[in-house]
C-alpha atoms as a PDB file:
ATOM      1  CA  UNK A   1     -11.362 -14.916 -21.658  1.00  0.00           C
ATOM      2  CA  UNK A   2     -12.727 -13.027 -18.674  1.00  0.00           C
ATOM      3  CA  UNK A   3     -11.369 -14.071 -15.284  1.00  0.00           C
ATOM      4  CA  UNK A   4     -13.580 -14.245 -12.195  1.00  0.00           C
ATOM      5  CA  UNK A   5     -12.811 -13.049  -8.661  1.00  0.00           C
ATOM      6  CA  UNK A   6     -14.727 -13.900  -5.496  1.00  0.00           C
ATOM      7  CA  UNK A   7     -14.723 -10.695  -3.448  1.00  0.00           C
ATOM      8  CA  UNK A   8     -15.628 -10.986   0.242  1.00  0.00           C
ATOM      9  CA  UNK A   9     -16.373  -7.920   2.372  1.00  0.00           C
ATOM     10  CA  UNK A  10     -16.216 -10.140   5.494  1.00  0.00           C
ATOM     11  CA  UNK A  11     -19.392  -8.802   7.072  1.00  0.00           C
ATOM     12  CA  UNK A  12     -20.449  -9.763  10.591  1.00  0.00           C
ATOM     13  CA  UNK A  13     -23.929 -11.259  10.747  1.00  0.00           C
ATOM     14  CA  UNK A  14     -25.964 -12.077  13.832  1.00  0.00           C
ATOM     15  CA  UNK A  15     -24.871 -15.372  15.350  1.00  0.00           C
ATOM     16  CA  UNK A  16     -21.436 -15.514  13.690  1.00  0.00           C
ATOM     17  CA  UNK A  17     -19.527 -12.710  15.388  1.00  0.00           C
ATOM     18  CA  UNK A  18     -16.229 -11.289  14.078  1.00  0.00           C
ATOM     19  CA  UNK A  19     -14.349 -14.568  14.598  1.00  0.00           C
ATOM     20  CA  UNK A  20     -17.043 -16.519  12.776  1.00  0.00           C
ATOM     21  CA  UNK A  21     -17.024 -14.011   9.908  1.00  0.00           C
ATOM     22  CA  UNK A  22     -13.280 -14.476   9.475  1.00  0.00           C
ATOM     23  CA  UNK A  23     -13.530 -18.270   9.562  1.00  0.00           C
ATOM     24  CA  UNK A  24     -16.382 -18.225   7.051  1.00  0.00           C
ATOM     25  CA  UNK A  25     -14.273 -16.056   4.745  1.00  0.00           C
ATOM     26  CA  UNK A  26     -11.543 -18.696   4.705  1.00  0.00           C
ATOM     27  CA  UNK A  27     -14.163 -21.356   3.932  1.00  0.00           C
ATOM     28  CA  UNK A  28     -15.438 -19.159   1.103  1.00  0.00           C
ATOM     29  CA  UNK A  29     -11.895 -18.940  -0.298  1.00  0.00           C
ATOM     30  CA  UNK A  30     -11.704 -22.745  -0.305  1.00  0.00           C
ATOM     31  CA  UNK A  31     -15.066 -22.931  -2.073  1.00  0.00           C
ATOM     32  CA  UNK A  32     -13.998 -20.299  -4.623  1.00  0.00           C
ATOM     33  CA  UNK A  33     -10.927 -22.355  -5.476  1.00  0.00           C
ATOM     34  CA  UNK A  34     -13.048 -25.490  -5.868  1.00  0.00           C
ATOM     35  CA  UNK A  35     -15.410 -23.595  -8.179  1.00  0.00           C
ATOM     36  CA  UNK A  36     -12.565 -22.441 -10.423  1.00  0.00           C
ATOM     37  CA  UNK A  37     -12.353 -18.764  -9.491  1.00  0.00           C
ATOM     38  CA  UNK A  38      -9.127 -17.045 -10.483  1.00  0.00           C
ATOM     39  CA  UNK A  39      -8.843 -14.842  -7.381  1.00  0.00           C
ATOM     40  CA  UNK A  40     -10.211 -14.442  -3.877  1.00  0.00           C
ATOM     41  CA  UNK A  41     -10.119 -10.919  -2.431  1.00  0.00           C
ATOM     42  CA  UNK A  42     -11.066  -9.378   0.896  1.00  0.00           C
ATOM     43  CA  UNK A  43     -11.660  -5.702   1.603  1.00  0.00           C
ATOM     44  CA  UNK A  44     -10.415  -3.645   4.521  1.00  0.00           C
ATOM     45  CA  UNK A  45     -13.225  -2.199   6.614  1.00  0.00           C
ATOM     46  CA  UNK A  46     -13.358  -1.055  10.231  1.00  0.00           C
ATOM     47  CA  UNK A  47     -16.363  -1.053  12.511  1.00  0.00           C
ATOM     48  CA  UNK A  48     -18.781  -3.313  14.342  1.00  0.00           C
ATOM     49  CA  UNK A  49     -20.266  -4.927  11.225  1.00  0.00           C
ATOM     50  CA  UNK A  50     -16.898  -5.690   9.582  1.00  0.00           C
ATOM     51  CA  UNK A  51     -14.671  -8.647  10.360  1.00  0.00           C
ATOM     52  CA  UNK A  52     -11.662  -7.499   8.329  1.00  0.00           C
ATOM     53  CA  UNK A  53      -9.758  -4.620   9.894  1.00  0.00           C
ATOM     54  CA  UNK A  54      -6.446  -6.385   9.139  1.00  0.00           C
ATOM     55  CA  UNK A  55      -6.873  -7.897   5.674  1.00  0.00           C
ATOM     56  CA  UNK A  56      -3.277  -9.112   5.432  1.00  0.00           C
ATOM     57  CA  UNK A  57      -3.971 -11.572   8.285  1.00  0.00           C
ATOM     58  CA  UNK A  58      -7.006 -12.972   6.504  1.00  0.00           C
ATOM     59  CA  UNK A  59      -5.070 -13.160   3.221  1.00  0.00           C
ATOM     60  CA  UNK A  60      -2.436 -15.277   4.985  1.00  0.00           C
ATOM     61  CA  UNK A  61      -5.088 -17.612   6.406  1.00  0.00           C
ATOM     62  CA  UNK A  62      -6.917 -17.973   3.080  1.00  0.00           C
ATOM     63  CA  UNK A  63      -3.693 -18.582   1.163  1.00  0.00           C
ATOM     64  CA  UNK A  64      -2.657 -21.261   3.662  1.00  0.00           C
ATOM     65  CA  UNK A  65      -6.024 -23.013   3.292  1.00  0.00           C
ATOM     66  CA  UNK A  66      -5.867 -23.100  -0.529  1.00  0.00           C
ATOM     67  CA  UNK A  67      -3.380 -24.323  -3.092  1.00  0.00           C
ATOM     68  CA  UNK A  68      -3.664 -22.523  -6.427  1.00  0.00           C
ATOM     69  CA  UNK A  69      -6.126 -19.635  -6.360  1.00  0.00           C
ATOM     70  CA  UNK A  70      -4.679 -16.126  -6.163  1.00  0.00           C
ATOM     71  CA  UNK A  71      -5.468 -14.477  -2.823  1.00  0.00           C
ATOM     72  CA  UNK A  72      -5.295 -10.822  -1.881  1.00  0.00           C
ATOM     73  CA  UNK A  73      -7.007  -7.577  -1.037  1.00  0.00           C
ATOM     74  CA  UNK A  74      -9.486  -5.499  -2.929  1.00  0.00           C
ATOM     75  CA  UNK A  75      -8.276  -2.443  -1.085  1.00  0.00           C
ATOM     76  CA  UNK A  76      -5.732  -1.976   1.667  1.00  0.00           C
ATOM     77  CA  UNK A  77      -6.462   1.610   2.725  1.00  0.00           C
ATOM     78  CA  UNK A  78      -3.044   2.997   1.853  1.00  0.00           C
ATOM     79  CA  UNK A  79      -3.630   6.552   3.173  1.00  0.00           C
ATOM     80  CA  UNK A  80      -3.638   5.125   6.724  1.00  0.00           C
ATOM     81  CA  UNK A  81      -0.298   3.293   6.489  1.00  0.00           C
ATOM     82  CA  UNK A  82       3.399   3.637   5.770  1.00  0.00           C
ATOM     83  CA  UNK A  83       4.056   2.298   2.244  1.00  0.00           C
ATOM     84  CA  UNK A  84       7.166   0.446   3.414  1.00  0.00           C
ATOM     85  CA  UNK A  85       5.144  -1.497   5.996  1.00  0.00           C
ATOM     86  CA  UNK A  86       2.549  -2.467   3.379  1.00  0.00           C
ATOM     87  CA  UNK A  87       5.301  -3.474   0.944  1.00  0.00           C
ATOM     88  CA  UNK A  88       7.169  -5.633   3.462  1.00  0.00           C
ATOM     89  CA  UNK A  89       3.960  -7.345   4.608  1.00  0.00           C
ATOM     90  CA  UNK A  90       2.876  -8.338   1.112  1.00  0.00           C
ATOM     91  CA  UNK A  91       6.433  -9.160   0.050  1.00  0.00           C
ATOM     92  CA  UNK A  92       6.492 -11.703   2.880  1.00  0.00           C
ATOM     93  CA  UNK A  93       3.111 -13.109   1.850  1.00  0.00           C
ATOM     94  CA  UNK A  94       4.401 -13.463  -1.713  1.00  0.00           C
ATOM     95  CA  UNK A  95       7.502 -15.303  -0.498  1.00  0.00           C
ATOM     96  CA  UNK A  96       5.305 -17.691   1.494  1.00  0.00           C
ATOM     97  CA  UNK A  97       2.908 -18.234  -1.441  1.00  0.00           C
ATOM     98  CA  UNK A  98       4.869 -17.497  -4.636  1.00  0.00           C
ATOM     99  CA  UNK A  99       2.843 -16.274  -7.608  1.00  0.00           C
ATOM    100  CA  UNK A 100      -0.433 -16.207  -5.660  1.00  0.00           C
ATOM    101  CA  UNK A 101      -0.620 -12.878  -3.785  1.00  0.00           C
ATOM    102  CA  UNK A 102      -2.478  -9.743  -4.894  1.00  0.00           C
ATOM    103  CA  UNK A 103      -2.174  -6.343  -3.239  1.00  0.00           C
ATOM    104  CA  UNK A 104      -5.128  -4.135  -4.036  1.00  0.00           C
ATOM    105  CA  UNK A 105      -4.962  -0.601  -2.654  1.00  0.00           C
ATOM    106  CA  UNK A 106      -7.585   2.113  -2.316  1.00  0.00           C
ATOM    107  CA  UNK A 107      -8.407   5.286  -0.452  1.00  0.00           C
ATOM    108  CA  UNK A 108     -12.075   4.883   0.445  1.00  0.00           C
ATOM    109  CA  UNK A 109     -12.818   5.621   4.098  1.00  0.00           C
ATOM    110  CA  UNK A 110     -13.573   2.009   4.998  1.00  0.00           C
ATOM    111  CA  UNK A 111     -14.890   3.214   8.343  1.00  0.00           C
ATOM    112  CA  UNK A 112     -17.020   5.788  10.063  1.00  0.00           C
ATOM    113  CA  UNK A 113     -15.671   9.262  10.734  1.00  0.00           C
ATOM    114  CA  UNK A 114     -14.651   8.543  14.332  1.00  0.00           C
ATOM    115  CA  UNK A 115     -12.642   5.434  13.372  1.00  0.00           C
ATOM    116  CA  UNK A 116     -11.090   7.228  10.400  1.00  0.00           C
ATOM    117  CA  UNK A 117      -9.787   9.909  12.755  1.00  0.00           C
ATOM    118  CA  UNK A 118      -8.156   7.224  14.908  1.00  0.00           C
ATOM    119  CA  UNK A 119      -6.500   5.652  11.855  1.00  0.00           C
ATOM    120  CA  UNK A 120      -5.279   8.951  10.423  1.00  0.00           C
ATOM    121  CA  UNK A 121      -1.690  10.052  11.059  1.00  0.00           C
ATOM    122  CA  UNK A 122      -0.518  13.647  10.972  1.00  0.00           C
ATOM    123  CA  UNK A 123       2.026  14.700   8.397  1.00  0.00           C
ATOM    124  CA  UNK A 124       1.310  11.818   6.036  1.00  0.00           C
ATOM    125  CA  UNK A 125       2.162  12.143   2.334  1.00  0.00           C
ATOM    126  CA  UNK A 126      -0.685  12.534  -0.177  1.00  0.00           C
ATOM    127  CA  UNK A 127      -2.158   9.364  -1.659  1.00  0.00           C
ATOM    128  CA  UNK A 128      -0.379   9.672  -5.021  1.00  0.00           C
ATOM    129  CA  UNK A 129       2.982  10.041  -3.280  1.00  0.00           C
ATOM    130  CA  UNK A 130       2.274   6.965  -1.163  1.00  0.00           C
ATOM    131  CA  UNK A 131       1.532   4.958  -4.314  1.00  0.00           C
ATOM    132  CA  UNK A 132       4.834   6.139  -5.785  1.00  0.00           C
ATOM    133  CA  UNK A 133       6.677   5.123  -2.591  1.00  0.00           C
ATOM    134  CA  UNK A 134       4.943   1.741  -2.523  1.00  0.00           C
ATOM    135  CA  UNK A 135       5.931   1.055  -6.125  1.00  0.00           C
ATOM    136  CA  UNK A 136       9.530   2.030  -5.380  1.00  0.00           C
ATOM    137  CA  UNK A 137       9.678  -0.320  -2.393  1.00  0.00           C
ATOM    138  CA  UNK A 138       8.166  -3.220  -4.334  1.00  0.00           C
ATOM    139  CA  UNK A 139      10.466  -2.871  -7.342  1.00  0.00           C
ATOM    140  CA  UNK A 140      13.773  -1.563  -5.919  1.00  0.00           C
ATOM    141  CA  UNK A 141      15.087  -4.844  -4.469  1.00  0.00           C
ATOM    142  CA  UNK A 142      16.743  -3.134  -1.475  1.00  0.00           C
ATOM    143  CA  UNK A 143      18.063  -4.784   1.686  1.00  0.00           C
ATOM    144  CA  UNK A 144      14.741  -3.966   3.348  1.00  0.00           C
ATOM    145  CA  UNK A 145      12.906  -5.995   0.727  1.00  0.00           C
ATOM    146  CA  UNK A 146      14.911  -9.054  -0.354  1.00  0.00           C
ATOM    147  CA  UNK A 147      14.909  -9.615  -4.077  1.00  0.00           C
ATOM    148  CA  UNK A 148      11.744 -11.488  -4.992  1.00  0.00           C
ATOM    149  CA  UNK A 149       8.785 -11.262  -7.317  1.00  0.00           C
ATOM    150  CA  UNK A 150       6.442  -8.568  -5.972  1.00  0.00           C
ATOM    151  CA  UNK A 151       2.761  -9.247  -5.372  1.00  0.00           C
ATOM    152  CA  UNK A 152       0.444  -8.264  -8.189  1.00  0.00           C
ATOM    153  CA  UNK A 153      -0.533  -4.665  -7.431  1.00  0.00           C
ATOM    154  CA  UNK A 154      -4.029  -3.349  -8.223  1.00  0.00           C
ATOM    155  CA  UNK A 155      -5.659   0.012  -7.632  1.00  0.00           C
ATOM    156  CA  UNK A 156      -9.352  -0.042  -6.715  1.00  0.00           C
ATOM    157  CA  UNK A 157     -11.436   3.081  -7.235  1.00  0.00           C
ATOM    158  CA  UNK A 158     -14.958   4.303  -7.866  1.00  0.00           C
ATOM    159  CA  UNK A 159     -14.263   7.455  -9.838  1.00  0.00           C
ATOM    160  CA  UNK A 160     -12.119   9.317 -12.340  1.00  0.00           C
ATOM    161  CA  UNK A 161      -9.460  10.105  -9.718  1.00  0.00           C
ATOM    162  CA  UNK A 162      -8.677   6.447  -9.152  1.00  0.00           C
ATOM    163  CA  UNK A 163      -8.725   5.772 -12.897  1.00  0.00           C
ATOM    164  CA  UNK A 164      -6.202   8.573 -13.480  1.00  0.00           C
ATOM    165  CA  UNK A 165      -3.867   7.270 -10.767  1.00  0.00           C
ATOM    166  CA  UNK A 166      -4.006   3.671 -11.978  1.00  0.00           C
ATOM    167  CA  UNK A 167      -3.284   4.822 -15.535  1.00  0.00           C
ATOM    168  CA  UNK A 168      -0.475   7.159 -14.433  1.00  0.00           C
ATOM    169  CA  UNK A 169       1.362   4.441 -12.490  1.00  0.00           C
ATOM    170  CA  UNK A 170       0.691   1.665 -15.014  1.00  0.00           C
ATOM    171  CA  UNK A 171      -1.404  -0.419 -12.619  1.00  0.00           C
ATOM    172  CA  UNK A 172      -4.374  -2.723 -13.186  1.00  0.00           C
ATOM    173  CA  UNK A 173      -7.609  -0.936 -12.240  1.00  0.00           C
ATOM    174  CA  UNK A 174     -10.564  -2.440 -10.377  1.00  0.00           C
ATOM    175  CA  UNK A 175     -13.634  -0.262 -10.842  1.00  0.00           C
ATOM    176  CA  UNK A 176     -16.151  -0.375  -7.979  1.00  0.00           C
ATOM    177  CA  UNK A 177     -19.349  -0.476 -10.040  1.00  0.00           C
ATOM    178  CA  UNK A 178     -21.421  -1.335  -6.953  1.00  0.00           C
ATOM    179  CA  UNK A 179     -20.842   2.217  -5.707  1.00  0.00           C
ATOM    180  CA  UNK A 180     -22.938   3.518  -8.632  1.00  0.00           C
ATOM    181  CA  UNK A 181     -26.583   3.000  -9.519  1.00  0.00           C
ATOM    182  CA  UNK A 182     -25.893   3.309 -13.245  1.00  0.00           C
ATOM    183  CA  UNK A 183     -23.064   2.007 -15.452  1.00  0.00           C
ATOM    184  CA  UNK A 184     -20.060   4.337 -15.706  1.00  0.00           C
ATOM    185  CA  UNK A 185     -18.031   2.892 -18.606  1.00  0.00           C
ATOM    186  CA  UNK A 186     -16.546   6.325 -19.307  1.00  0.00           C
ATOM    187  CA  UNK A 187     -14.416   5.956 -16.156  1.00  0.00           C
ATOM    188  CA  UNK A 188     -12.931   2.695 -17.402  1.00  0.00           C
ATOM    189  CA  UNK A 189     -12.399   4.186 -20.866  1.00  0.00           C
ATOM    190  CA  UNK A 190     -10.577   7.118 -19.268  1.00  0.00           C
ATOM    191  CA  UNK A 191      -8.232   4.650 -17.585  1.00  0.00           C
ATOM    192  CA  UNK A 192      -7.571   2.822 -20.844  1.00  0.00           C
ATOM    193  CA  UNK A 193      -6.977   6.046 -22.771  1.00  0.00           C
ATOM    194  CA  UNK A 194      -4.587   7.521 -20.193  1.00  0.00           C
ATOM    195  CA  UNK A 195      -2.705   4.312 -19.354  1.00  0.00           C
ATOM    196  CA  UNK A 196       1.039   4.418 -19.621  1.00  0.00           C
ATOM    197  CA  UNK A 197       3.253   1.379 -18.914  1.00  0.00           C
ATOM    198  CA  UNK A 198       4.820   1.181 -15.467  1.00  0.00           C
ATOM    199  CA  UNK A 199       7.209  -1.138 -13.614  1.00  0.00           C
ATOM    200  CA  UNK A 200       4.369  -3.527 -12.721  1.00  0.00           C
ATOM    201  CA  UNK A 201       2.156  -3.235 -15.784  1.00  0.00           C
ATOM    202  CA  UNK A 202       2.796  -3.026 -19.528  1.00  0.00           C
ATOM    203  CA  UNK A 203      -0.839  -2.914 -20.725  1.00  0.00           C
ATOM    204  CA  UNK A 204      -4.117  -1.747 -19.142  1.00  0.00           C
ATOM    205  CA  UNK A 205      -6.075  -4.382 -17.260  1.00  0.00           C
ATOM    206  CA  UNK A 206      -9.603  -3.813 -15.957  1.00  0.00           C
ATOM    207  CA  UNK A 207     -11.674  -5.596 -13.347  1.00  0.00           C
ATOM    208  CA  UNK A 208     -15.237  -4.495 -12.602  1.00  0.00           C
ATOM    209  CA  UNK A 209     -16.580  -5.159  -9.103  1.00  0.00           C
ATOM    210  CA  UNK A 210     -20.312  -5.869  -8.835  1.00  0.00           C
ATOM    211  CA  UNK A 211     -22.649  -6.825  -5.995  1.00  0.00           C
ATOM    212  CA  UNK A 212     -25.244  -9.523  -6.594  1.00  0.00           C
ATOM    213  CA  UNK A 213     -28.279 -10.925  -4.786  1.00  0.00           C
ATOM    214  CA  UNK A 214     -28.857 -14.212  -6.593  1.00  0.00           C
ATOM    215  CA  UNK A 215     -30.558 -17.454  -5.547  1.00  0.00           C
ATOM    216  CA  UNK A 216     -32.507 -20.310  -7.109  1.00  0.00           C
ATOM    217  CA  UNK A 217     -35.602 -19.464  -5.058  1.00  0.00           C
ATOM    218  CA  UNK A 218     -37.322 -16.098  -5.744  1.00  0.00           C
ATOM    219  CA  UNK A 219     -38.279 -15.989  -2.063  1.00  0.00           C
ATOM    220  CA  UNK A 220     -34.599 -16.151  -1.097  1.00  0.00           C
ATOM    221  CA  UNK A 221     -33.881 -13.349  -3.570  1.00  0.00           C
ATOM    222  CA  UNK A 222     -36.450 -11.167  -1.823  1.00  0.00           C
ATOM    223  CA  UNK A 223     -34.855 -11.934   1.536  1.00  0.00           C
ATOM    224  CA  UNK A 224     -31.432 -11.016   0.166  1.00  0.00           C
ATOM    225  CA  UNK A 225     -32.820  -7.740  -1.168  1.00  0.00           C
ATOM    226  CA  UNK A 226     -34.370  -7.076   2.238  1.00  0.00           C
ATOM    227  CA  UNK A 227     -30.965  -7.764   3.785  1.00  0.00           C
ATOM    228  CA  UNK A 228     -29.374  -5.230   1.458  1.00  0.00           C
ATOM    229  CA  UNK A 229     -31.956  -2.636   2.483  1.00  0.00           C
ATOM    230  CA  UNK A 230     -31.452  -3.388   6.171  1.00  0.00           C
ATOM    231  CA  UNK A 231     -27.680  -3.442   5.750  1.00  0.00           C
ATOM    232  CA  UNK A 232     -27.743   0.018   4.203  1.00  0.00           C
ATOM    233  CA  UNK A 233     -29.537   1.248   7.319  1.00  0.00           C
ATOM    234  CA  UNK A 234     -27.348  -0.665   9.767  1.00  0.00           C
ATOM    235  CA  UNK A 235     -25.514   2.342  11.222  1.00  0.00           C
ATOM    236  CA  UNK A 236     -25.032   1.666  14.919  1.00  0.00           C
ATOM    237  CA  UNK A 237     -25.784  -2.075  14.717  1.00  0.00           C
ATOM    238  CA  UNK A 238     -23.179  -4.436  16.105  1.00  0.00           C
ATOM    239  CA  UNK A 239     -24.080  -7.100  13.542  1.00  0.00           C
ATOM    240  CA  UNK A 240     -26.071  -7.351  10.331  1.00  0.00           C
ATOM    241  CA  UNK A 241     -29.277  -9.444  10.409  1.00  0.00           C
ATOM    242  CA  UNK A 242     -28.808 -13.216  10.412  1.00  0.00           C
ATOM    243  CA  UNK A 243     -30.739 -15.413   7.964  1.00  0.00           C
ATOM    244  CA  UNK A 244     -33.311 -16.190  10.663  1.00  0.00           C
ATOM    245  CA  UNK A 245     -33.616 -12.497  11.548  1.00  0.00           C
ATOM    246  CA  UNK A 246     -34.172 -11.676   7.895  1.00  0.00           C
ATOM    247  CA  UNK A 247     -37.092 -14.088   7.782  1.00  0.00           C
ATOM    248  CA  UNK A 248     -38.603 -12.229  10.731  1.00  0.00           C
ATOM    249  CA  UNK A 249     -37.731  -8.712   9.576  1.00  0.00           C
ATOM    250  CA  UNK A 250     -38.346  -8.994   5.825  1.00  0.00           C
ATOM    251  CA  UNK A 251     -42.118  -8.366   6.066  1.00  0.00           C
ATOM    252  CA  UNK A 252     -41.358  -4.998   7.676  1.00  0.00           C
ATOM    253  CA  UNK A 253     -39.107  -3.869   4.783  1.00  0.00           C
ATOM    254  CA  UNK A 254     -40.862  -2.009   1.986  1.00  0.00           C
ATOM    255  CA  UNK A 255     -39.598  -3.435  -1.303  1.00  0.00           C
ATOM    256  CA  UNK A 256     -41.030  -3.300  -4.822  1.00  0.00           C
ATOM    257  CA  UNK A 257     -42.087  -6.668  -6.222  1.00  0.00           C
ATOM    258  CA  UNK A 258     -39.070  -6.732  -8.548  1.00  0.00           C
ATOM    259  CA  UNK A 259     -35.640  -5.163  -8.589  1.00  0.00           C
ATOM    260  CA  UNK A 260     -35.266  -1.997 -10.633  1.00  0.00           C
ATOM    261  CA  UNK A 261     -33.581  -3.178 -13.863  1.00  0.00           C
ATOM    262  CA  UNK A 262     -31.980   0.239 -14.285  1.00  0.00           C
ATOM    263  CA  UNK A 263     -30.198   0.027 -10.909  1.00  0.00           C
ATOM    264  CA  UNK A 264     -26.865  -1.747 -11.231  1.00  0.00           C
ATOM    265  CA  UNK A 265     -25.606  -1.098  -7.702  1.00  0.00           C
ATOM    266  CA  UNK A 266     -27.023  -4.578  -6.991  1.00  0.00           C
ATOM    267  CA  UNK A 267     -27.800  -7.234  -9.597  1.00  0.00           C
ATOM    268  CA  UNK A 268     -30.742  -9.021  -7.987  1.00  0.00           C
ATOM    269  CA  UNK A 269     -32.810 -11.932  -9.221  1.00  0.00           C
ATOM    270  CA  UNK A 270     -32.924 -15.631  -9.978  1.00  0.00           C
ATOM    271  CA  UNK A 271     -30.036 -16.953 -12.120  1.00  0.00           C
ATOM    272  CA  UNK A 272     -31.587 -16.192 -15.524  1.00  0.00           C
ATOM    273  CA  UNK A 273     -32.329 -12.588 -14.507  1.00  0.00           C
ATOM    274  CA  UNK A 274     -28.876 -11.987 -13.047  1.00  0.00           C
ATOM    275  CA  UNK A 275     -27.179 -13.595 -16.058  1.00  0.00           C
ATOM    276  CA  UNK A 276     -29.013 -11.230 -18.401  1.00  0.00           C
ATOM    277  CA  UNK A 277     -28.108  -8.152 -16.357  1.00  0.00           C
ATOM    278  CA  UNK A 278     -24.525  -9.314 -15.933  1.00  0.00           C
ATOM    279  CA  UNK A 279     -24.146  -9.835 -19.677  1.00  0.00           C
ATOM    280  CA  UNK A 280     -25.394  -6.301 -20.368  1.00  0.00           C
ATOM    281  CA  UNK A 281     -23.038  -4.837 -17.791  1.00  0.00           C
ATOM    282  CA  UNK A 282     -19.969  -6.671 -19.038  1.00  0.00           C
ATOM    283  CA  UNK A 283     -20.843  -5.675 -22.609  1.00  0.00           C
ATOM    284  CA  UNK A 284     -20.740  -2.033 -21.498  1.00  0.00           C
ATOM    285  CA  UNK A 285     -17.265  -2.408 -19.952  1.00  0.00           C
ATOM    286  CA  UNK A 286     -15.619  -5.355 -21.785  1.00  0.00           C
ATOM    287  CA  UNK A 287     -13.516  -6.022 -18.653  1.00  0.00           C
ATOM    288  CA  UNK A 288     -10.659  -8.465 -18.398  1.00  0.00           C
ATOM    289  CA  UNK A 289     -11.927  -9.603 -15.022  1.00  0.00           C
ATOM    290  CA  UNK A 290     -15.106  -9.523 -12.968  1.00  0.00           C
ATOM    291  CA  UNK A 291     -15.078  -9.290  -9.161  1.00  0.00           C
ATOM    292  CA  UNK A 292     -18.337 -10.365  -7.534  1.00  0.00           C
ATOM    293  CA  UNK A 293     -19.540  -9.852  -3.983  1.00  0.00           C
ATOM    294  CA  UNK A 294     -22.808 -10.444  -2.186  1.00  0.00           C
ATOM    295  CA  UNK A 295     -24.529  -9.462   1.036  1.00  0.00           C
ATOM    296  CA  UNK A 296     -25.770 -12.831   2.265  1.00  0.00           C
ATOM    297  CA  UNK A 297     -25.848 -13.999   5.900  1.00  0.00           C
ATOM    298  CA  UNK A 298     -26.045 -17.740   5.155  1.00  0.00           C
ATOM    299  CA  UNK A 299     -22.672 -19.242   4.181  1.00  0.00           C
ATOM    300  CA  UNK A 300     -24.144 -22.158   2.222  1.00  0.00           C
ATOM    301  CA  UNK A 301     -26.324 -19.782   0.202  1.00  0.00           C
ATOM    302  CA  UNK A 302     -23.324 -17.470  -0.274  1.00  0.00           C
ATOM    303  CA  UNK A 303     -21.355 -20.372  -1.722  1.00  0.00           C
ATOM    304  CA  UNK A 304     -24.337 -21.316  -3.892  1.00  0.00           C
ATOM    305  CA  UNK A 305     -24.440 -17.722  -5.172  1.00  0.00           C
ATOM    306  CA  UNK A 306     -20.806 -17.942  -6.224  1.00  0.00           C
ATOM    307  CA  UNK A 307     -21.520 -21.315  -7.837  1.00  0.00           C
ATOM    308  CA  UNK A 308     -24.365 -19.789  -9.878  1.00  0.00           C
ATOM    309  CA  UNK A 309     -22.149 -16.878 -10.908  1.00  0.00           C
ATOM    310  CA  UNK A 310     -19.364 -19.223 -11.954  1.00  0.00           C
ATOM    311  CA  UNK A 311     -21.799 -20.880 -14.362  1.00  0.00           C
ATOM    312  CA  UNK A 312     -22.792 -17.509 -15.857  1.00  0.00           C
ATOM    313  CA  UNK A 313     -19.322 -16.205 -16.693  1.00  0.00           C
ATOM    314  CA  UNK A 314     -17.412 -17.764 -19.578  1.00  0.00           C
ATOM    315  CA  UNK A 315     -13.756 -18.287 -18.803  1.00  0.00           C
ATOM    316  CA  UNK A 316     -11.262 -20.735 -17.306  1.00  0.00           C
ATOM    317  CA  UNK A 317     -12.797 -23.164 -14.822  1.00  0.00           C
ATOM    318  CA  UNK A 318      -9.645 -23.801 -12.831  1.00  0.00           C
ATOM    319  CA  UNK A 319      -7.234 -21.424 -11.079  1.00  0.00           C
ATOM    320  CA  UNK A 320      -4.378 -20.250 -13.254  1.00  0.00           C
ATOM    321  CA  UNK A 321      -1.083 -18.629 -12.316  1.00  0.00           C
ATOM    322  CA  UNK A 322       0.223 -15.175 -12.840  1.00  0.00           C
END
């Protein structure tokens, strides 16, 4: 049955600040475990509105606060780092929390151009070579990496390039559906067709990452959709709008009365509407796992959103091991 991942982008909303965003992420991990989610992931982003520039630190905190749920990253931005450093960091996390650590890698910018330039290092190997080096470090059992079970390695991507790489190296593939306004099942099928077994994967495994704006109250749904619109235009803001700010700003945001059913970059609506759209999307992909994220400034409502989603997705209702 399909597994479910709570995916937190650790966004900084007005009133919480970066420290509050990080603490709320740990509380969300605890809630996800209570709700029976299989995994809890955070994404690496840099900038004023992101509270997760060092995802490995947040993974450690979330793993320490939980007992059974798998904890990891949706996408450590591997092009910015030495593969050995990434391998040793997540090897240590796996030793501290055996059988519970995921290492998702990606190559999205995760930052504005100016920050990306600061992160970049001259003379770095191409992305595919870094993946190869990372795999070698995780599976070689050298003195630098004491013999232990490696973290579960995933590759996250939004296009055919990421699908090809995941298939080539025999890795599970998380497809970032929220980066597209329409379903792109051909990218997932490409991954399945091209997959060849690797040291950390014998069969293809697919997760599809979706963004939702779901609440019991249609008025809250409209506020969440307004927040998405404001968040998309938040360049230069130090924080995203708080829940109170959304109440004040929402009347100024031009939104249609209902979400466009053809747009799957965000699945917006009350539970019955989101369940219908989610069922159609999963039918198009037939994924093994579903990773869900939301742009919601109120922690209690964020947890409620994940509770509603848990009820929509058939599958295990308690964390399971590797």
